[in-house]
C-alpha atoms as a PDB file:
ATOM      1  CA  UNK A   1      22.116  44.651 -25.299  1.00  0.00           C
ATOM      2  CA  UNK A   2      24.324  47.690 -24.624  1.00  0.00           C
ATOM      3  CA  UNK A   3      27.339  45.747 -25.877  1.00  0.00           C
ATOM      4  CA  UNK A   4      25.539  44.778 -29.088  1.00  0.00           C
ATOM      5  CA  UNK A   5      24.359  48.334 -29.730  1.00  0.00           C
ATOM      6  CA  UNK A   6      27.916  49.563 -29.195  1.00  0.00           C
ATOM      7  CA  UNK A   7      29.192  47.105 -31.808  1.00  0.00           C
ATOM      8  CA  UNK A   8      26.526  48.219 -34.279  1.00  0.00           C
ATOM      9  CA  UNK A   9      27.327  51.894 -33.650  1.00  0.00           C
ATOM     10  CA  UNK A  10      31.047  51.350 -34.136  1.00  0.00           C
ATOM     11  CA  UNK A  11      30.393  49.433 -37.357  1.00  0.00           C
ATOM     12  CA  UNK A  12      28.176  52.161 -38.792  1.00  0.00           C
ATOM     13  CA  UNK A  13      30.600  54.889 -37.666  1.00  0.00           C
ATOM     14  CA  UNK A  14      33.525  53.065 -39.280  1.00  0.00           C
ATOM     15  CA  UNK A  15      31.605  52.869 -42.558  1.00  0.00           C
ATOM     16  CA  UNK A  16      30.990  56.601 -42.283  1.00  0.00           C
ATOM     17  CA  UNK A  17      34.676  57.372 -41.708  1.00  0.00           C
ATOM     18  CA  UNK A  18      35.753  55.236 -44.651  1.00  0.00           C
ATOM     19  CA  UNK A  19      33.275  57.087 -46.848  1.00  0.00           C
ATOM     20  CA  UNK A  20      34.982  60.365 -45.902  1.00  0.00           C
ATOM     21  CA  UNK A  21      38.383  59.228 -47.162  1.00  0.00           C
ATOM     22  CA  UNK A  22      39.340  60.314 -50.658  1.00  0.00           C
ATOM     23  CA  UNK A  23      41.869  57.493 -51.068  1.00  0.00           C
ATOM     24  CA  UNK A  24      41.131  55.080 -53.885  1.00  0.00           C
ATOM     25  CA  UNK A  25      39.945  51.748 -52.534  1.00  0.00           C
ATOM     26  CA  UNK A  26      42.919  49.434 -52.156  1.00  0.00           C
ATOM     27  CA  UNK A  27      45.496  52.182 -52.658  1.00  0.00           C
ATOM     28  CA  UNK A  28      46.142  52.717 -48.961  1.00  0.00           C
ATOM     29  CA  UNK A  29      48.743  55.314 -48.004  1.00  0.00           C
ATOM     30  CA  UNK A  30      48.230  54.726 -44.260  1.00  0.00           C
ATOM     31  CA  UNK A  31      46.599  51.878 -42.428  1.00  0.00           C
ATOM     32  CA  UNK A  32      46.412  50.153 -39.069  1.00  0.00           C
ATOM     33  CA  UNK A  33      48.263  51.265 -35.950  1.00  0.00           C
ATOM     34  CA  UNK A  34      49.542  54.850 -36.286  1.00  0.00           C
ATOM     35  CA  UNK A  35      51.906  54.584 -33.304  1.00  0.00           C
ATOM     36  CA  UNK A  36      50.213  57.396 -31.392  1.00  0.00           C
ATOM     37  CA  UNK A  37      47.323  55.530 -29.821  1.00  0.00           C
ATOM     38  CA  UNK A  38      45.145  55.825 -32.924  1.00  0.00           C
ATOM     39  CA  UNK A  39      44.495  53.608 -35.929  1.00  0.00           C
ATOM     40  CA  UNK A  40      43.225  53.956 -39.480  1.00  0.00           C
ATOM     41  CA  UNK A  41      41.024  51.515 -41.350  1.00  0.00           C
ATOM     42  CA  UNK A  42      41.765  49.153 -42.850  1.00  0.00           C
ATOM     43  CA  UNK A  43      43.661  47.602 -39.970  1.00  0.00           C
ATOM     44  CA  UNK A  44      44.863  44.829 -42.302  1.00  0.00           C
ATOM     45  CA  UNK A  45      45.362  45.920 -45.939  1.00  0.00           C
ATOM     46  CA  UNK A  46      44.719  42.477 -47.332  1.00  0.00           C
ATOM     47  CA  UNK A  47      41.907  40.096 -48.249  1.00  0.00           C
ATOM     48  CA  UNK A  48      40.690  38.297 -45.143  1.00  0.00           C
ATOM     49  CA  UNK A  49      37.139  37.356 -46.046  1.00  0.00           C
ATOM     50  CA  UNK A  50      34.322  36.226 -43.731  1.00  0.00           C
ATOM     51  CA  UNK A  51      36.060  37.281 -40.514  1.00  0.00           C
ATOM     52  CA  UNK A  52      34.733  35.809 -37.258  1.00  0.00           C
ATOM     53  CA  UNK A  53      36.348  37.036 -34.046  1.00  0.00           C
ATOM     54  CA  UNK A  54      36.189  36.001 -30.381  1.00  0.00           C
ATOM     55  CA  UNK A  55      37.873  37.063 -27.166  1.00  0.00           C
ATOM     56  CA  UNK A  56      39.402  34.553 -24.768  1.00  0.00           C
ATOM     57  CA  UNK A  57      40.896  36.191 -21.691  1.00  0.00           C
ATOM     58  CA  UNK A  58      43.159  39.006 -22.895  1.00  0.00           C
ATOM     59  CA  UNK A  59      43.549  37.560 -26.397  1.00  0.00           C
ATOM     60  CA  UNK A  60      41.513  37.981 -29.572  1.00  0.00           C
ATOM     61  CA  UNK A  61      41.296  35.277 -32.221  1.00  0.00           C
ATOM     62  CA  UNK A  62      39.872  35.576 -35.715  1.00  0.00           C
ATOM     63  CA  UNK A  63      39.370  33.224 -38.637  1.00  0.00           C
ATOM     64  CA  UNK A  64      39.076  33.862 -42.365  1.00  0.00           C
ATOM     65  CA  UNK A  65      37.681  31.673 -45.134  1.00  0.00           C
ATOM     66  CA  UNK A  66      40.157  30.354 -47.691  1.00  0.00           C
ATOM     67  CA  UNK A  67      37.962  28.628 -50.317  1.00  0.00           C
ATOM     68  CA  UNK A  68      40.049  26.260 -52.503  1.00  0.00           C
ATOM     69  CA  UNK A  69      43.405  27.331 -51.084  1.00  0.00           C
ATOM     70  CA  UNK A  70      45.475  24.995 -48.920  1.00  0.00           C
ATOM     71  CA  UNK A  71      46.155  24.968 -46.016  1.00  0.00           C
ATOM     72  CA  UNK A  72      42.653  26.107 -45.091  1.00  0.00           C
ATOM     73  CA  UNK A  73      40.977  28.525 -42.656  1.00  0.00           C
ATOM     74  CA  UNK A  74      43.476  31.205 -41.649  1.00  0.00           C
ATOM     75  CA  UNK A  75      43.771  31.877 -37.897  1.00  0.00           C
ATOM     76  CA  UNK A  76      44.769  35.349 -36.655  1.00  0.00           C
ATOM     77  CA  UNK A  77      45.721  36.572 -33.164  1.00  0.00           C
ATOM     78  CA  UNK A  78      45.696  40.020 -31.585  1.00  0.00           C
ATOM     79  CA  UNK A  79      45.955  41.713 -28.203  1.00  0.00           C
ATOM     80  CA  UNK A  80      44.182  44.937 -29.165  1.00  0.00           C
ATOM     81  CA  UNK A  81      42.041  44.236 -32.278  1.00  0.00           C
ATOM     82  CA  UNK A  82      44.348  46.484 -34.337  1.00  0.00           C
ATOM     83  CA  UNK A  83      47.689  44.682 -34.544  1.00  0.00           C
ATOM     84  CA  UNK A  84      47.233  41.151 -35.865  1.00  0.00           C
ATOM     85  CA  UNK A  85      49.551  38.235 -36.486  1.00  0.00           C
ATOM     86  CA  UNK A  86      48.971  35.053 -38.468  1.00  0.00           C
ATOM     87  CA  UNK A  87      48.794  32.099 -36.097  1.00  0.00           C
ATOM     88  CA  UNK A  88      48.599  29.579 -38.906  1.00  0.00           C
ATOM     89  CA  UNK A  89      45.911  27.553 -40.641  1.00  0.00           C
ATOM     90  CA  UNK A  90      43.466  25.262 -38.893  1.00  0.00           C
ATOM     91  CA  UNK A  91      42.889  22.805 -41.767  1.00  0.00           C
ATOM     92  CA  UNK A  92      46.195  21.358 -42.886  1.00  0.00           C
ATOM     93  CA  UNK A  93      44.774  18.915 -45.458  1.00  0.00           C
ATOM     94  CA  UNK A  94      41.785  19.882 -47.626  1.00  0.00           C
ATOM     95  CA  UNK A  95      41.345  16.290 -48.792  1.00  0.00           C
ATOM     96  CA  UNK A  96      39.724  15.709 -45.392  1.00  0.00           C
ATOM     97  CA  UNK A  97      36.809  17.554 -46.994  1.00  0.00           C
ATOM     98  CA  UNK A  98      36.943  16.000 -50.451  1.00  0.00           C
ATOM     99  CA  UNK A  99      39.454  14.471 -52.848  1.00  0.00           C
ATOM    100  CA  UNK A 100      38.210  17.031 -55.366  1.00  0.00           C
ATOM    101  CA  UNK A 101      40.151  19.643 -53.363  1.00  0.00           C
ATOM    102  CA  UNK A 102      43.416  17.794 -53.929  1.00  0.00           C
ATOM    103  CA  UNK A 103      46.066  19.550 -56.021  1.00  0.00           C
ATOM    104  CA  UNK A 104      45.843  16.734 -58.597  1.00  0.00           C
ATOM    105  CA  UNK A 105      42.278  17.787 -59.496  1.00  0.00           C
ATOM    106  CA  UNK A 106      41.826  21.455 -58.605  1.00  0.00           C
ATOM    107  CA  UNK A 107      38.219  21.688 -59.816  1.00  0.00           C
ATOM    108  CA  UNK A 108      36.782  23.491 -56.779  1.00  0.00           C
ATOM    109  CA  UNK A 109      37.691  27.098 -57.561  1.00  0.00           C
ATOM    110  CA  UNK A 110      35.748  29.422 -55.240  1.00  0.00           C
ATOM    111  CA  UNK A 111      34.270  26.453 -53.384  1.00  0.00           C
ATOM    112  CA  UNK A 112      35.988  24.612 -50.513  1.00  0.00           C
ATOM    113  CA  UNK A 113      36.191  26.362 -47.125  1.00  0.00           C
ATOM    114  CA  UNK A 114      33.540  29.068 -46.848  1.00  0.00           C
ATOM    115  CA  UNK A 115      32.646  31.240 -43.834  1.00  0.00           C
ATOM    116  CA  UNK A 116      33.040  29.614 -40.434  1.00  0.00           C
ATOM    117  CA  UNK A 117      32.462  30.384 -36.780  1.00  0.00           C
ATOM    118  CA  UNK A 118      35.085  30.227 -34.030  1.00  0.00           C
ATOM    119  CA  UNK A 119      33.965  29.415 -30.500  1.00  0.00           C
ATOM    120  CA  UNK A 120      35.555  28.813 -27.101  1.00  0.00           C
ATOM    121  CA  UNK A 121      33.701  26.654 -24.609  1.00  0.00           C
ATOM    122  CA  UNK A 122      34.764  24.860 -21.441  1.00  0.00           C
ATOM    123  CA  UNK A 123      38.464  25.460 -22.090  1.00  0.00           C
ATOM    124  CA  UNK A 124      38.426  24.326 -25.716  1.00  0.00           C
ATOM    125  CA  UNK A 125      38.379  26.048 -29.111  1.00  0.00           C
ATOM    126  CA  UNK A 126      35.850  24.938 -31.715  1.00  0.00           C
ATOM    127  CA  UNK A 127      35.699  25.702 -35.420  1.00  0.00           C
ATOM    128  CA  UNK A 128      32.563  25.158 -37.486  1.00  0.00           C
ATOM    129  CA  UNK A 129      32.426  25.890 -41.204  1.00  0.00           C
ATOM    130  CA  UNK A 130      30.477  25.041 -44.316  1.00  0.00           C
ATOM    131  CA  UNK A 131      31.341  24.007 -47.841  1.00  0.00           C
ATOM    132  CA  UNK A 132      28.810  24.414 -50.665  1.00  0.00           C
ATOM    133  CA  UNK A 133      29.329  20.874 -51.951  1.00  0.00           C
ATOM    134  CA  UNK A 134      30.140  18.715 -48.919  1.00  0.00           C
ATOM    135  CA  UNK A 135      28.191  20.288 -46.011  1.00  0.00           C
ATOM    136  CA  UNK A 136      29.261  21.356 -42.525  1.00  0.00           C
ATOM    137  CA  UNK A 137      32.403  20.312 -40.649  1.00  0.00           C
ATOM    138  CA  UNK A 138      33.769  20.769 -37.142  1.00  0.00           C
ATOM    139  CA  UNK A 139      37.149  20.529 -35.445  1.00  0.00           C
ATOM    140  CA  UNK A 140      38.491  21.481 -32.016  1.00  0.00           C
ATOM    141  CA  UNK A 141      41.711  22.097 -30.121  1.00  0.00           C
ATOM    142  CA  UNK A 142      42.801  22.762 -26.557  1.00  0.00           C
ATOM    143  CA  UNK A 143      44.968  25.675 -27.779  1.00  0.00           C
ATOM    144  CA  UNK A 144      44.262  28.088 -30.608  1.00  0.00           C
ATOM    145  CA  UNK A 145      47.660  27.415 -32.165  1.00  0.00           C
ATOM    146  CA  UNK A 146      46.821  23.712 -32.277  1.00  0.00           C
ATOM    147  CA  UNK A 147      47.151  20.931 -32.902  1.00  0.00           C
ATOM    148  CA  UNK A 148      43.582  20.744 -34.212  1.00  0.00           C
ATOM    149  CA  UNK A 149      41.641  17.502 -34.395  1.00  0.00           C
ATOM    150  CA  UNK A 150      40.863  15.912 -37.793  1.00  0.00           C
ATOM    151  CA  UNK A 151      37.683  17.265 -39.352  1.00  0.00           C
ATOM    152  CA  UNK A 152      34.387  15.741 -38.295  1.00  0.00           C
ATOM    153  CA  UNK A 153      31.475  15.890 -40.791  1.00  0.00           C
ATOM    154  CA  UNK A 154      28.593  17.575 -38.992  1.00  0.00           C
ATOM    155  CA  UNK A 155      25.951  17.624 -41.702  1.00  0.00           C
ATOM    156  CA  UNK A 156      27.129  15.932 -44.936  1.00  0.00           C
ATOM    157  CA  UNK A 157      24.753  17.588 -47.412  1.00  0.00           C
ATOM    158  CA  UNK A 158      25.372  20.067 -50.263  1.00  0.00           C
ATOM    159  CA  UNK A 159      23.851  23.531 -50.373  1.00  0.00           C
ATOM    160  CA  UNK A 160      24.959  24.922 -47.002  1.00  0.00           C
ATOM    161  CA  UNK A 161      27.041  28.038 -46.454  1.00  0.00           C
ATOM    162  CA  UNK A 162      27.452  30.344 -43.409  1.00  0.00           C
ATOM    163  CA  UNK A 163      26.917  29.047 -39.889  1.00  0.00           C
ATOM    164  CA  UNK A 164      27.216  29.847 -36.203  1.00  0.00           C
ATOM    165  CA  UNK A 165      26.994  27.883 -32.956  1.00  0.00           C
ATOM    166  CA  UNK A 166      26.653  28.331 -29.202  1.00  0.00           C
ATOM    167  CA  UNK A 167      26.148  26.483 -25.923  1.00  0.00           C
ATOM    168  CA  UNK A 168      23.405  27.238 -23.406  1.00  0.00           C
ATOM    169  CA  UNK A 169      23.746  27.325 -19.624  1.00  0.00           C
ATOM    170  CA  UNK A 170      23.064  23.577 -19.445  1.00  0.00           C
ATOM    171  CA  UNK A 171      25.822  22.664 -21.870  1.00  0.00           C
ATOM    172  CA  UNK A 172      23.521  21.893 -24.803  1.00  0.00           C
ATOM    173  CA  UNK A 173      24.991  22.937 -28.146  1.00  0.00           C
ATOM    174  CA  UNK A 174      23.004  24.809 -30.779  1.00  0.00           C
ATOM    175  CA  UNK A 175      23.885  25.329 -34.418  1.00  0.00           C
ATOM    176  CA  UNK A 176      22.257  27.464 -37.117  1.00  0.00           C
ATOM    177  CA  UNK A 177      23.093  27.783 -40.793  1.00  0.00           C
ATOM    178  CA  UNK A 178      21.906  29.331 -44.016  1.00  0.00           C
ATOM    179  CA  UNK A 179      20.856  27.122 -46.909  1.00  0.00           C
ATOM    180  CA  UNK A 180      20.418  27.684 -50.624  1.00  0.00           C
ATOM    181  CA  UNK A 181      16.897  26.207 -50.498  1.00  0.00           C
ATOM    182  CA  UNK A 182      14.138  25.930 -47.940  1.00  0.00           C
ATOM    183  CA  UNK A 183      14.560  23.184 -45.389  1.00  0.00           C
ATOM    184  CA  UNK A 184      12.899  22.289 -42.070  1.00  0.00           C
ATOM    185  CA  UNK A 185      14.482  22.612 -38.642  1.00  0.00           C
ATOM    186  CA  UNK A 186      16.699  19.601 -37.986  1.00  0.00           C
ATOM    187  CA  UNK A 187      17.853  17.788 -34.892  1.00  0.00           C
ATOM    188  CA  UNK A 188      20.714  15.296 -35.022  1.00  0.00           C
ATOM    189  CA  UNK A 189      23.109  13.874 -32.443  1.00  0.00           C
ATOM    190  CA  UNK A 190      21.806  16.261 -29.738  1.00  0.00           C
ATOM    191  CA  UNK A 191      22.424  19.248 -32.003  1.00  0.00           C
ATOM    192  CA  UNK A 192      19.576  21.525 -33.067  1.00  0.00           C
ATOM    193  CA  UNK A 193      19.700  22.916 -36.608  1.00  0.00           C
ATOM    194  CA  UNK A 194      17.396  25.923 -37.135  1.00  0.00           C
ATOM    195  CA  UNK A 195      17.588  26.822 -40.807  1.00  0.00           C
ATOM    196  CA  UNK A 196      17.433  30.443 -41.962  1.00  0.00           C
ATOM    197  CA  UNK A 197      15.055  30.236 -44.904  1.00  0.00           C
ATOM    198  CA  UNK A 198      16.095  32.248 -47.992  1.00  0.00           C
ATOM    199  CA  UNK A 199      12.687  33.040 -49.571  1.00  0.00           C
ATOM    200  CA  UNK A 200      13.672  35.476 -52.357  1.00  0.00           C
ATOM    201  CA  UNK A 201      16.768  36.620 -50.469  1.00  0.00           C
ATOM    202  CA  UNK A 202      20.379  35.611 -50.022  1.00  0.00           C
ATOM    203  CA  UNK A 203      21.286  35.456 -46.334  1.00  0.00           C
ATOM    204  CA  UNK A 204      24.722  35.092 -44.816  1.00  0.00           C
ATOM    205  CA  UNK A 205      27.196  36.483 -42.252  1.00  0.00           C
ATOM    206  CA  UNK A 206      25.245  35.376 -39.195  1.00  0.00           C
ATOM    207  CA  UNK A 207      26.576  35.321 -35.625  1.00  0.00           C
ATOM    208  CA  UNK A 208      24.815  33.853 -32.591  1.00  0.00           C
ATOM    209  CA  UNK A 209      25.258  35.618 -29.245  1.00  0.00           C
ATOM    210  CA  UNK A 210      23.552  34.604 -25.998  1.00  0.00           C
ATOM    211  CA  UNK A 211      22.912  37.323 -23.404  1.00  0.00           C
ATOM    212  CA  UNK A 212      20.952  37.533 -20.171  1.00  0.00           C
ATOM    213  CA  UNK A 213      17.959  38.858 -22.114  1.00  0.00           C
ATOM    214  CA  UNK A 214      17.915  36.228 -24.833  1.00  0.00           C
ATOM    215  CA  UNK A 215      19.623  35.302 -28.066  1.00  0.00           C
ATOM    216  CA  UNK A 216      20.765  37.767 -30.705  1.00  0.00           C
ATOM    217  CA  UNK A 217      21.426  36.716 -34.286  1.00  0.00           C
ATOM    218  CA  UNK A 218      22.686  39.523 -36.557  1.00  0.00           C
ATOM    219  CA  UNK A 219      22.474  38.452 -40.193  1.00  0.00           C
ATOM    220  CA  UNK A 220      23.147  40.069 -43.554  1.00  0.00           C
ATOM    221  CA  UNK A 221      20.433  39.732 -46.176  1.00  0.00           C
ATOM    222  CA  UNK A 222      20.484  40.658 -49.847  1.00  0.00           C
ATOM    223  CA  UNK A 223      17.294  40.746 -51.858  1.00  0.00           C
ATOM    224  CA  UNK A 224      17.427  39.210 -55.297  1.00  0.00           C
ATOM    225  CA  UNK A 225      16.133  41.403 -58.108  1.00  0.00           C
ATOM    226  CA  UNK A 226      14.060  44.564 -57.636  1.00  0.00           C
ATOM    227  CA  UNK A 227      16.787  46.956 -56.564  1.00  0.00           C
ATOM    228  CA  UNK A 228      19.457  44.665 -55.117  1.00  0.00           C
ATOM    229  CA  UNK A 229      18.997  45.878 -51.553  1.00  0.00           C
ATOM    230  CA  UNK A 230      21.221  44.668 -48.700  1.00  0.00           C
ATOM    231  CA  UNK A 231      19.447  44.387 -45.357  1.00  0.00           C
ATOM    232  CA  UNK A 232      20.768  43.526 -41.896  1.00  0.00           C
ATOM    233  CA  UNK A 233      18.376  41.882 -39.471  1.00  0.00           C
ATOM    234  CA  UNK A 234      18.500  41.176 -35.763  1.00  0.00           C
ATOM    235  CA  UNK A 235      16.725  38.073 -34.494  1.00  0.00           C
ATOM    236  CA  UNK A 236      15.963  37.878 -30.791  1.00  0.00           C
ATOM    237  CA  UNK A 237      14.569  34.958 -28.831  1.00  0.00           C
ATOM    238  CA  UNK A 238      15.428  32.142 -26.464  1.00  0.00           C
ATOM    239  CA  UNK A 239      17.302  29.089 -27.693  1.00  0.00           C
ATOM    240  CA  UNK A 240      15.692  28.041 -31.012  1.00  0.00           C
ATOM    241  CA  UNK A 241      12.767  30.470 -30.866  1.00  0.00           C
ATOM    242  CA  UNK A 242      10.465  32.210 -31.052  1.00  0.00           C
ATOM    243  CA  UNK A 243      12.303  35.022 -32.823  1.00  0.00           C
ATOM    244  CA  UNK A 244      11.445  38.603 -33.640  1.00  0.00           C
ATOM    245  CA  UNK A 245      12.887  40.004 -36.843  1.00  0.00           C
ATOM    246  CA  UNK A 246      13.975  43.654 -36.766  1.00  0.00           C
ATOM    247  CA  UNK A 247      15.755  45.676 -39.410  1.00  0.00           C
ATOM    248  CA  UNK A 248      18.527  47.874 -37.968  1.00  0.00           C
ATOM    249  CA  UNK A 249      20.535  48.743 -41.083  1.00  0.00           C
ATOM    250  CA  UNK A 250      19.547  49.096 -44.725  1.00  0.00           C
ATOM    251  CA  UNK A 251      22.070  49.897 -47.466  1.00  0.00           C
ATOM    252  CA  UNK A 252      21.441  50.244 -51.169  1.00  0.00           C
ATOM    253  CA  UNK A 253      23.955  48.296 -53.272  1.00  0.00           C
ATOM    254  CA  UNK A 254      22.787  49.481 -56.679  1.00  0.00           C
END
C-alpha cells in the first residue's frame, strides 16, 4: 500500500512540476538525465504511448504500443528509470495478427497493436496485448531481448482494448481487460476474464498489482458527454473480487 501511494504521489507531483514549466509542449530545451544526479521530464522526448513498466532484478523493462507500425510493440530497457535504450520489438511480423496488417493492404491505420502488459513470472517474460479487431494475444520469452515465441490468440473476439494479467501464490493466472460493450465475466483454458464494464464511460490504462493486503487495479476512466471528465479509480479486492471502487484523482479535460 505504501509503495502504491508513493507511485501515486510521484505521478501527481510530476504533473504539478510539468505545469510549472513555461516551455511549449514538445519544444523541449532540456530533458532527461541532467548529468548532476537530477533529471527533467520528459525523460524521453518522443512518442512512446501506453507505457507499461516492470522491474526484474536490477533492470527495468517497458513496452509501448505501436498500432499499425511494423515491427510491433517496442521494448525499452533501463537501469535507473531515466536513461532508456531501445531493446527492439517483440512482434516481428504483424501478419501473425491479421493479413490486413500486411504492407500490401495497409487498411488498419490506428488499429493493430494497442496497449499491452509486460509481466515476469517464474523466470519468463510474458507480453499480453489487445487489438480492437482481432482480440487478445500473448507471447513469451526466457530473455527480454528474445527470441519471443510466435503469438498465441488468447481471446479471438473484436472490441477489446487495454489489459493486464497476474499470477497468484498458487500459480493460477488471472487476466482482466476493458471492452467496448458490456460482457459477462469469462473463464477459458484456466484463465479468468473479469471484464471492466464501460457503462457511459471509456476505461483504459489498467494495471493489476497483487500485494499482501489484496489486489490493486488502478484504471483511467473518461466520462462520455456532460463535461468530459477524466477519473482515476482504484479497485481493491482478492483475486477476481469483490472489489471496492475508490476515486483518488479527478482531472477536468474540458
